[in-house]
């Protein structure tokens, strides 16, 4: 059976709302930052639905016993964001996964055998940086089933580039945009997160 890149676009109105906030050219930097955080949170919530290890156990309440669902906290989760936008998305998602380990230097040299990997990218344009990270994970023996990719936006071309090399991945995004401009931005896109977030940093200093 041929493997196919699986891109999930959750039909949640909050995801659509925060994507629209990112798209609007006049959105001020602090709100743009908040929109990335919110997309990170809601897309991560969706990505964990059928992926986060859990088990059914008998638990005791004040009125008796019942079956409960318990997250398996013994299985490590590693977060690998691109900077700065992917890190901003993780700031929103971290409340869902407070015990996850953040890898700011990119893919670590060693990864535990059962660890799950979440890569946060503000957007996937051509996919070069993401593909570089995926190749490093592949060299460490990490199977695609242990990886989830969270991105606010992806281009058709970027997904095609990724799918040709890693066809069995699962990517969670708020939208897929059709094309890329001559200056390397997705159309209609969300602008350049690096510049828009840097504007916020400049104002704070």
C-alpha atoms as a PDB file:
ATOM      1  CA  UNK A   1       0.000   0.000   0.000  1.00  0.00           C
ATOM      2  CA  UNK A   2       1.411   3.433  -0.953  1.00  0.00           C
ATOM      3  CA  UNK A   3       2.044   5.850   1.889  1.00  0.00           C
ATOM      4  CA  UNK A   4       0.445   9.280   1.677  1.00  0.00           C
ATOM      5  CA  UNK A   5       1.248  12.523   3.480  1.00  0.00           C
ATOM      6  CA  UNK A   6      -1.629  13.145   5.873  1.00  0.00           C
ATOM      7  CA  UNK A   7      -2.470  16.830   6.353  1.00  0.00           C
ATOM      8  CA  UNK A   8      -5.208  17.545   8.902  1.00  0.00           C
ATOM      9  CA  UNK A   9      -7.107  20.860   8.737  1.00  0.00           C
ATOM     10  CA  UNK A  10      -9.343  20.880  11.846  1.00  0.00           C
ATOM     11  CA  UNK A  11     -12.718  22.589  11.144  1.00  0.00           C
ATOM     12  CA  UNK A  12     -12.717  24.534  14.399  1.00  0.00           C
ATOM     13  CA  UNK A  13     -13.959  28.155  14.285  1.00  0.00           C
ATOM     14  CA  UNK A  14     -11.296  29.295  16.760  1.00  0.00           C
ATOM     15  CA  UNK A  15      -8.589  27.985  14.445  1.00  0.00           C
ATOM     16  CA  UNK A  16     -10.163  29.831  11.522  1.00  0.00           C
ATOM     17  CA  UNK A  17     -10.477  33.000  13.615  1.00  0.00           C
ATOM     18  CA  UNK A  18      -6.834  33.112  14.700  1.00  0.00           C
ATOM     19  CA  UNK A  19      -5.642  32.330  11.186  1.00  0.00           C
ATOM     20  CA  UNK A  20      -7.643  35.328   9.962  1.00  0.00           C
ATOM     21  CA  UNK A  21      -5.998  37.506  12.620  1.00  0.00           C
ATOM     22  CA  UNK A  22      -2.587  36.421  11.316  1.00  0.00           C
ATOM     23  CA  UNK A  23      -3.614  37.159   7.723  1.00  0.00           C
ATOM     24  CA  UNK A  24      -4.801  40.728   8.351  1.00  0.00           C
ATOM     25  CA  UNK A  25      -1.946  43.056   7.370  1.00  0.00           C
ATOM     26  CA  UNK A  26      -2.834  45.637  10.042  1.00  0.00           C
ATOM     27  CA  UNK A  27      -2.846  43.204  12.972  1.00  0.00           C
ATOM     28  CA  UNK A  28      -0.506  44.742  15.599  1.00  0.00           C
ATOM     29  CA  UNK A  29       2.522  42.683  16.679  1.00  0.00           C
ATOM     30  CA  UNK A  30       1.235  41.742  20.165  1.00  0.00           C
ATOM     31  CA  UNK A  31      -2.019  40.385  18.684  1.00  0.00           C
ATOM     32  CA  UNK A  32      -0.111  38.624  15.910  1.00  0.00           C
ATOM     33  CA  UNK A  33       1.966  36.945  18.590  1.00  0.00           C
ATOM     34  CA  UNK A  34      -1.178  35.935  20.485  1.00  0.00           C
ATOM     35  CA  UNK A  35      -2.663  34.472  17.299  1.00  0.00           C
ATOM     36  CA  UNK A  36       0.386  32.242  16.832  1.00  0.00           C
ATOM     37  CA  UNK A  37       0.097  31.101  20.447  1.00  0.00           C
ATOM     38  CA  UNK A  38      -3.586  30.316  20.080  1.00  0.00           C
ATOM     39  CA  UNK A  39      -3.067  28.360  16.869  1.00  0.00           C
ATOM     40  CA  UNK A  40      -0.283  26.451  18.570  1.00  0.00           C
ATOM     41  CA  UNK A  41      -2.617  25.511  21.406  1.00  0.00           C
ATOM     42  CA  UNK A  42      -5.644  24.476  19.358  1.00  0.00           C
ATOM     43  CA  UNK A  43      -3.712  22.632  16.652  1.00  0.00           C
ATOM     44  CA  UNK A  44      -1.748  20.745  19.313  1.00  0.00           C
ATOM     45  CA  UNK A  45      -5.001  19.811  21.023  1.00  0.00           C
ATOM     46  CA  UNK A  46      -6.192  18.295  17.755  1.00  0.00           C
ATOM     47  CA  UNK A  47      -2.867  16.567  17.082  1.00  0.00           C
ATOM     48  CA  UNK A  48      -2.922  14.827  20.454  1.00  0.00           C
ATOM     49  CA  UNK A  49      -6.419  13.433  20.043  1.00  0.00           C
ATOM     50  CA  UNK A  50      -5.320  10.031  18.694  1.00  0.00           C
ATOM     51  CA  UNK A  51      -1.612  10.172  19.506  1.00  0.00           C
ATOM     52  CA  UNK A  52      -0.974  10.936  23.179  1.00  0.00           C
ATOM     53  CA  UNK A  53      -0.275   7.650  25.044  1.00  0.00           C
ATOM     54  CA  UNK A  54      -2.969   6.863  27.606  1.00  0.00           C
ATOM     55  CA  UNK A  55      -4.547   3.959  29.409  1.00  0.00           C
ATOM     56  CA  UNK A  56      -7.824   3.018  31.062  1.00  0.00           C
ATOM     57  CA  UNK A  57      -7.553   2.465  34.801  1.00  0.00           C
ATOM     58  CA  UNK A  58      -9.860   1.961  37.714  1.00  0.00           C
ATOM     59  CA  UNK A  59      -9.957   5.072  39.897  1.00  0.00           C
ATOM     60  CA  UNK A  60     -11.601   5.747  43.244  1.00  0.00           C
ATOM     61  CA  UNK A  61     -13.978   8.652  43.776  1.00  0.00           C
ATOM     62  CA  UNK A  62     -15.624   9.750  47.014  1.00  0.00           C
ATOM     63  CA  UNK A  63     -18.678   7.736  45.951  1.00  0.00           C
ATOM     64  CA  UNK A  64     -17.055   4.587  44.641  1.00  0.00           C
ATOM     65  CA  UNK A  65     -14.949   3.297  41.768  1.00  0.00           C
ATOM     66  CA  UNK A  66     -15.105   4.020  38.041  1.00  0.00           C
ATOM     67  CA  UNK A  67     -12.960   3.722  34.937  1.00  0.00           C
ATOM     68  CA  UNK A  68     -10.749   6.686  34.109  1.00  0.00           C
ATOM     69  CA  UNK A  69      -8.395   7.715  31.306  1.00  0.00           C
ATOM     70  CA  UNK A  70      -4.849   8.460  32.460  1.00  0.00           C
ATOM     71  CA  UNK A  71      -2.097  10.020  30.335  1.00  0.00           C
ATOM     72  CA  UNK A  72       1.129   8.002  30.337  1.00  0.00           C
ATOM     73  CA  UNK A  73       3.548  10.612  31.687  1.00  0.00           C
ATOM     74  CA  UNK A  74       6.461   8.169  31.619  1.00  0.00           C
ATOM     75  CA  UNK A  75       6.773   8.498  27.834  1.00  0.00           C
ATOM     76  CA  UNK A  76       8.873  11.611  27.039  1.00  0.00           C
ATOM     77  CA  UNK A  77       7.787  14.273  24.562  1.00  0.00           C
ATOM     78  CA  UNK A  78      10.290  16.540  22.800  1.00  0.00           C
ATOM     79  CA  UNK A  79       9.405  19.913  21.289  1.00  0.00           C
ATOM     80  CA  UNK A  80      11.463  21.203  18.358  1.00  0.00           C
ATOM     81  CA  UNK A  81      10.348  24.683  17.166  1.00  0.00           C
ATOM     82  CA  UNK A  82      11.620  26.902  14.396  1.00  0.00           C
ATOM     83  CA  UNK A  83      12.462  30.448  15.515  1.00  0.00           C
ATOM     84  CA  UNK A  84      10.830  32.739  16.276  1.00  0.00           C
ATOM     85  CA  UNK A  85       7.339  31.787  15.076  1.00  0.00           C
ATOM     86  CA  UNK A  86       7.404  28.102  15.971  1.00  0.00           C
ATOM     87  CA  UNK A  87       8.557  28.951  19.471  1.00  0.00           C
ATOM     88  CA  UNK A  88       5.676  31.399  19.764  1.00  0.00           C
ATOM     89  CA  UNK A  89       3.260  28.617  18.824  1.00  0.00           C
ATOM     90  CA  UNK A  90       4.778  26.398  21.501  1.00  0.00           C
ATOM     91  CA  UNK A  91       4.150  29.116  24.098  1.00  0.00           C
ATOM     92  CA  UNK A  92       0.453  28.549  23.518  1.00  0.00           C
ATOM     93  CA  UNK A  93       0.704  24.754  23.394  1.00  0.00           C
ATOM     94  CA  UNK A  94       2.836  24.328  26.518  1.00  0.00           C
ATOM     95  CA  UNK A  95      -0.156  24.525  28.866  1.00  0.00           C
ATOM     96  CA  UNK A  96      -1.441  21.332  27.226  1.00  0.00           C
ATOM     97  CA  UNK A  97       1.924  19.564  27.590  1.00  0.00           C
ATOM     98  CA  UNK A  98       3.640  21.155  30.612  1.00  0.00           C
ATOM     99  CA  UNK A  99       6.035  18.214  31.065  1.00  0.00           C
ATOM    100  CA  UNK A 100       7.383  18.214  27.507  1.00  0.00           C
ATOM    101  CA  UNK A 101      11.062  19.045  26.956  1.00  0.00           C
ATOM    102  CA  UNK A 102      11.943  22.008  24.738  1.00  0.00           C
ATOM    103  CA  UNK A 103      14.875  21.593  22.295  1.00  0.00           C
ATOM    104  CA  UNK A 104      15.869  25.088  21.194  1.00  0.00           C
ATOM    105  CA  UNK A 105      19.066  24.013  19.458  1.00  0.00           C
ATOM    106  CA  UNK A 106      17.241  21.913  16.885  1.00  0.00           C
ATOM    107  CA  UNK A 107      17.285  18.118  16.756  1.00  0.00           C
ATOM    108  CA  UNK A 108      19.304  16.720  19.702  1.00  0.00           C
ATOM    109  CA  UNK A 109      22.106  14.230  19.082  1.00  0.00           C
ATOM    110  CA  UNK A 110      20.323  11.473  20.994  1.00  0.00           C
ATOM    111  CA  UNK A 111      16.617  10.791  21.577  1.00  0.00           C
ATOM    112  CA  UNK A 112      15.060   8.264  23.933  1.00  0.00           C
ATOM    113  CA  UNK A 113      13.651   5.148  22.306  1.00  0.00           C
ATOM    114  CA  UNK A 114       9.952   5.810  22.954  1.00  0.00           C
ATOM    115  CA  UNK A 115       9.976   9.617  22.833  1.00  0.00           C
ATOM    116  CA  UNK A 116       7.349  11.436  20.794  1.00  0.00           C
ATOM    117  CA  UNK A 117       8.461  14.449  18.731  1.00  0.00           C
ATOM    118  CA  UNK A 118       6.430  17.587  18.000  1.00  0.00           C
ATOM    119  CA  UNK A 119       7.840  20.082  15.505  1.00  0.00           C
ATOM    120  CA  UNK A 120       6.346  23.587  15.572  1.00  0.00           C
ATOM    121  CA  UNK A 121       6.689  25.723  12.438  1.00  0.00           C
ATOM    122  CA  UNK A 122       4.930  29.058  12.012  1.00  0.00           C
ATOM    123  CA  UNK A 123       4.478  28.183   8.331  1.00  0.00           C
ATOM    124  CA  UNK A 124       5.715  25.761   5.703  1.00  0.00           C
ATOM    125  CA  UNK A 125       6.748  27.637   2.564  1.00  0.00           C
ATOM    126  CA  UNK A 126       9.112  25.370   0.586  1.00  0.00           C
ATOM    127  CA  UNK A 127       9.739  23.090   3.569  1.00  0.00           C
ATOM    128  CA  UNK A 128      13.556  23.149   3.501  1.00  0.00           C
ATOM    129  CA  UNK A 129      14.146  23.690   7.228  1.00  0.00           C
ATOM    130  CA  UNK A 130      11.519  21.142   8.197  1.00  0.00           C
ATOM    131  CA  UNK A 131      12.961  18.567   5.781  1.00  0.00           C
ATOM    132  CA  UNK A 132      16.425  19.134   7.271  1.00  0.00           C
ATOM    133  CA  UNK A 133      15.063  18.390  10.748  1.00  0.00           C
ATOM    134  CA  UNK A 134      13.186  15.333   9.507  1.00  0.00           C
ATOM    135  CA  UNK A 135      16.333  13.936   7.890  1.00  0.00           C
ATOM    136  CA  UNK A 136      18.204  14.285  11.185  1.00  0.00           C
ATOM    137  CA  UNK A 137      15.387  12.507  13.013  1.00  0.00           C
ATOM    138  CA  UNK A 138      15.440   9.774  10.378  1.00  0.00           C
ATOM    139  CA  UNK A 139      19.192   9.311  10.912  1.00  0.00           C
ATOM    140  CA  UNK A 140      18.444   8.762  14.607  1.00  0.00           C
ATOM    141  CA  UNK A 141      15.998   6.010  13.719  1.00  0.00           C
ATOM    142  CA  UNK A 142      12.853   8.000  14.540  1.00  0.00           C
ATOM    143  CA  UNK A 143       9.868   6.663  12.615  1.00  0.00           C
ATOM    144  CA  UNK A 144       7.255   9.049  11.235  1.00  0.00           C
ATOM    145  CA  UNK A 145       4.616   7.567  13.550  1.00  0.00           C
ATOM    146  CA  UNK A 146       6.473   9.150  16.481  1.00  0.00           C
ATOM    147  CA  UNK A 147       6.335  12.619  14.891  1.00  0.00           C
ATOM    148  CA  UNK A 148       3.637  15.281  14.694  1.00  0.00           C
ATOM    149  CA  UNK A 149       4.093  18.578  12.858  1.00  0.00           C
ATOM    150  CA  UNK A 150       2.168  21.676  13.946  1.00  0.00           C
ATOM    151  CA  UNK A 151       2.074  24.653  11.581  1.00  0.00           C
ATOM    152  CA  UNK A 152      -0.214  27.630  11.208  1.00  0.00           C
ATOM    153  CA  UNK A 153      -0.092  27.492   7.421  1.00  0.00           C
ATOM    154  CA  UNK A 154       1.376  25.441   4.583  1.00  0.00           C
ATOM    155  CA  UNK A 155       1.791  25.956   0.869  1.00  0.00           C
ATOM    156  CA  UNK A 156       0.893  23.312  -1.697  1.00  0.00           C
ATOM    157  CA  UNK A 157       4.457  23.324  -2.952  1.00  0.00           C
ATOM    158  CA  UNK A 158       5.964  22.907   0.511  1.00  0.00           C
ATOM    159  CA  UNK A 159       3.722  19.941   1.258  1.00  0.00           C
ATOM    160  CA  UNK A 160       4.638  18.382  -2.088  1.00  0.00           C
ATOM    161  CA  UNK A 161       8.352  18.707  -1.282  1.00  0.00           C
ATOM    162  CA  UNK A 162       7.869  17.108   2.132  1.00  0.00           C
ATOM    163  CA  UNK A 163       5.581  14.363   0.858  1.00  0.00           C
ATOM    164  CA  UNK A 164       8.087  13.247  -1.759  1.00  0.00           C
ATOM    165  CA  UNK A 165      10.650  12.482   0.955  1.00  0.00           C
ATOM    166  CA  UNK A 166       8.472  11.666   3.978  1.00  0.00           C
ATOM    167  CA  UNK A 167       5.139  10.409   2.647  1.00  0.00           C
ATOM    168  CA  UNK A 168       3.853   8.870   5.887  1.00  0.00           C
ATOM    169  CA  UNK A 169       3.976  11.997   8.063  1.00  0.00           C
ATOM    170  CA  UNK A 170       1.052  13.639   9.806  1.00  0.00           C
ATOM    171  CA  UNK A 171       0.833  17.440   9.676  1.00  0.00           C
ATOM    172  CA  UNK A 172      -1.700  19.661  11.468  1.00  0.00           C
ATOM    173  CA  UNK A 173      -2.352  23.072   9.905  1.00  0.00           C
ATOM    174  CA  UNK A 174      -5.058  25.709   9.844  1.00  0.00           C
ATOM    175  CA  UNK A 175      -5.028  26.014   6.039  1.00  0.00           C
ATOM    176  CA  UNK A 176      -3.235  25.095   2.814  1.00  0.00           C
ATOM    177  CA  UNK A 177      -2.543  28.067   0.538  1.00  0.00           C
ATOM    178  CA  UNK A 178      -2.150  27.602  -3.219  1.00  0.00           C
ATOM    179  CA  UNK A 179       0.994  29.464  -4.247  1.00  0.00           C
ATOM    180  CA  UNK A 180       4.216  31.283  -3.363  1.00  0.00           C
ATOM    181  CA  UNK A 181       5.200  34.791  -4.464  1.00  0.00           C
ATOM    182  CA  UNK A 182       8.443  35.687  -6.241  1.00  0.00           C
ATOM    183  CA  UNK A 183       9.820  37.036  -2.956  1.00  0.00           C
ATOM    184  CA  UNK A 184       9.226  33.702  -1.229  1.00  0.00           C
ATOM    185  CA  UNK A 185       6.050  34.364   0.733  1.00  0.00           C
ATOM    186  CA  UNK A 186       2.916  32.226   0.722  1.00  0.00           C
ATOM    187  CA  UNK A 187      -0.111  33.698  -1.094  1.00  0.00           C
ATOM    188  CA  UNK A 188      -2.390  34.868   0.490  1.00  0.00           C
ATOM    189  CA  UNK A 189      -0.304  33.873   3.513  1.00  0.00           C
ATOM    190  CA  UNK A 190       0.291  35.462   6.914  1.00  0.00           C
ATOM    191  CA  UNK A 191       3.164  37.772   6.036  1.00  0.00           C
ATOM    192  CA  UNK A 192       6.682  37.215   7.331  1.00  0.00           C
ATOM    193  CA  UNK A 193       6.459  36.106  10.990  1.00  0.00           C
ATOM    194  CA  UNK A 194      10.132  36.926  11.536  1.00  0.00           C
ATOM    195  CA  UNK A 195       9.566  40.581  10.638  1.00  0.00           C
ATOM    196  CA  UNK A 196       6.218  40.913  12.361  1.00  0.00           C
ATOM    197  CA  UNK A 197       7.461  39.412  15.615  1.00  0.00           C
ATOM    198  CA  UNK A 198      10.703  41.404  15.451  1.00  0.00           C
ATOM    199  CA  UNK A 199       8.592  44.557  15.287  1.00  0.00           C
ATOM    200  CA  UNK A 200       7.157  43.587  18.644  1.00  0.00           C
ATOM    201  CA  UNK A 201      10.646  43.022  20.114  1.00  0.00           C
ATOM    202  CA  UNK A 202      11.803  46.419  18.858  1.00  0.00           C
ATOM    203  CA  UNK A 203       8.893  48.191  20.541  1.00  0.00           C
ATOM    204  CA  UNK A 204       9.526  46.443  23.859  1.00  0.00           C
ATOM    205  CA  UNK A 205      13.124  47.672  23.902  1.00  0.00           C
END
